[in-house]
Amino acid sequence: MQFIRFAVVGFVLLTIVYLLVSIYSRSVRREWLEGEWDALEETSKAQTPRDRFVREGLERYENGFRKKLILLVYVIPTLAVTVLIYVIN
């Protein structure tokens, strides 16, 4: 029974960490895209409006590999606990 309680609490904590890391990562990507657009605008090479440029960049980010890497927030701690339990027993 304690293991189930530990697993549920761990899953809830990992979900909170996943959400925070995901929000942070998206924010950093948005800032980077805005900076890219500003640099393009300074050189007069910006051909799309800023909002559209950022929106399309975030859509590519949502479907990209970096977004999927954040799922390791679940995998690595679970693997670490599983290996630790195996080694101790």
Protein backbone atom coordinates (compact mmCIF):
# COMPACT_ATOMS: atom_id res chain seq x y z
CA MET A 1 0.00 0.00 0.00
CA GLN A 2 2.87 2.36 0.75
CA PHE A 3 4.35 1.73 -2.69
CA ILE A 4 1.11 2.79 -4.38
CA ARG A 5 0.98 5.96 -2.29
CA PHE A 6 4.62 6.67 -3.13
CA ALA A 7 3.97 6.10 -6.84
CA VAL A 8 0.94 8.42 -6.88
CA VAL A 9 2.73 11.21 -4.99
CA GLY A 10 5.77 10.79 -7.24
CA PHE A 11 3.64 10.96 -10.38
CA VAL A 12 1.91 14.13 -9.15
CA LEU A 13 5.26 15.76 -8.32
CA LEU A 14 6.75 14.77 -11.68
CA THR A 15 3.68 16.16 -13.45
CA ILE A 16 4.13 19.49 -11.68
CA VAL A 17 7.82 19.54 -12.63
CA TYR A 18 6.92 18.62 -16.23
CA LEU A 19 4.41 21.46 -16.48
CA LEU A 20 6.84 24.01 -15.04
CA VAL A 21 9.68 22.94 -17.33
CA SER A 22 7.34 22.91 -20.32
CA ILE A 23 6.08 26.44 -19.60
CA TYR A 24 9.62 27.70 -19.06
CA SER A 25 10.89 26.08 -22.26
CA ARG A 26 8.06 27.53 -24.33
CA SER A 27 8.74 30.96 -22.84
CA VAL A 28 12.43 30.75 -23.71
CA ARG A 29 11.57 29.66 -27.27
CA ARG A 30 9.12 32.58 -27.65
CA GLU A 31 11.77 35.06 -26.49
CA TRP A 32 14.29 33.57 -28.91
CA LEU A 33 11.83 33.82 -31.81
CA GLU A 34 11.05 37.43 -30.94
CA GLY A 35 14.76 38.20 -30.90
CA GLU A 36 15.21 36.48 -34.26
CA TRP A 37 12.42 38.56 -35.76
CA ASP A 38 13.91 41.75 -34.31
CA ALA A 39 17.27 40.89 -35.88
CA LEU A 40 15.59 40.24 -39.23
CA GLU A 41 13.70 43.50 -38.99
CA GLU A 42 16.89 45.45 -38.35
CA THR A 43 18.37 44.09 -41.57
CA SER A 44 15.07 44.68 -43.43
CA LYS A 45 14.70 40.97 -44.20
CA ALA A 46 11.52 40.43 -42.16
CA GLN A 47 8.88 39.38 -44.67
CA THR A 48 6.19 38.22 -42.24
CA PRO A 49 4.47 40.05 -39.40
CA ARG A 50 5.98 39.45 -35.95
CA ASP A 51 2.92 37.68 -34.49
CA ARG A 52 2.74 35.27 -37.40
CA PHE A 53 6.50 34.60 -37.30
CA VAL A 54 6.36 33.79 -33.58
CA ARG A 55 3.16 31.70 -33.90
CA GLU A 56 4.61 29.59 -36.72
CA GLY A 57 7.86 29.14 -34.82
CA LEU A 58 6.00 27.96 -31.71
CA GLU A 59 3.95 25.53 -33.82
CA ARG A 60 7.18 24.03 -35.17
CA TYR A 61 8.49 23.86 -31.59
CA GLU A 62 5.36 22.05 -30.34
CA ASN A 63 5.86 19.33 -32.98
CA GLY A 64 9.62 19.17 -32.62
CA PHE A 65 12.08 16.92 -30.85
CA ARG A 66 12.99 19.38 -28.07
CA LYS A 67 9.42 19.40 -26.77
CA LYS A 68 9.46 15.61 -26.59
CA LEU A 69 12.74 15.63 -24.65
CA ILE A 70 10.92 17.22 -21.72
CA LEU A 71 9.13 13.89 -21.25
CA LEU A 72 12.42 12.62 -19.81
CA VAL A 73 11.25 14.33 -16.62
CA TYR A 74 9.11 11.22 -16.15
CA VAL A 75 11.53 8.61 -17.49
CA ILE A 76 14.80 9.42 -15.69
CA PRO A 77 13.49 9.59 -12.08
CA THR A 78 11.35 6.49 -12.62
CA LEU A 79 14.33 4.60 -13.99
CA ALA A 80 16.54 5.82 -11.15
CA VAL A 81 14.07 4.68 -8.47
CA THR A 82 13.57 1.33 -10.21
CA VAL A 83 17.33 0.70 -10.40
CA LEU A 84 17.77 1.80 -6.79
CA ILE A 85 15.05 -0.59 -5.59
CA TYR A 86 16.58 -3.41 -7.64
CA VAL A 87 20.10 -2.79 -6.31
CA ILE A 88 18.99 -2.52 -2.70
CA ASN A 89 16.95 -5.71 -2.85
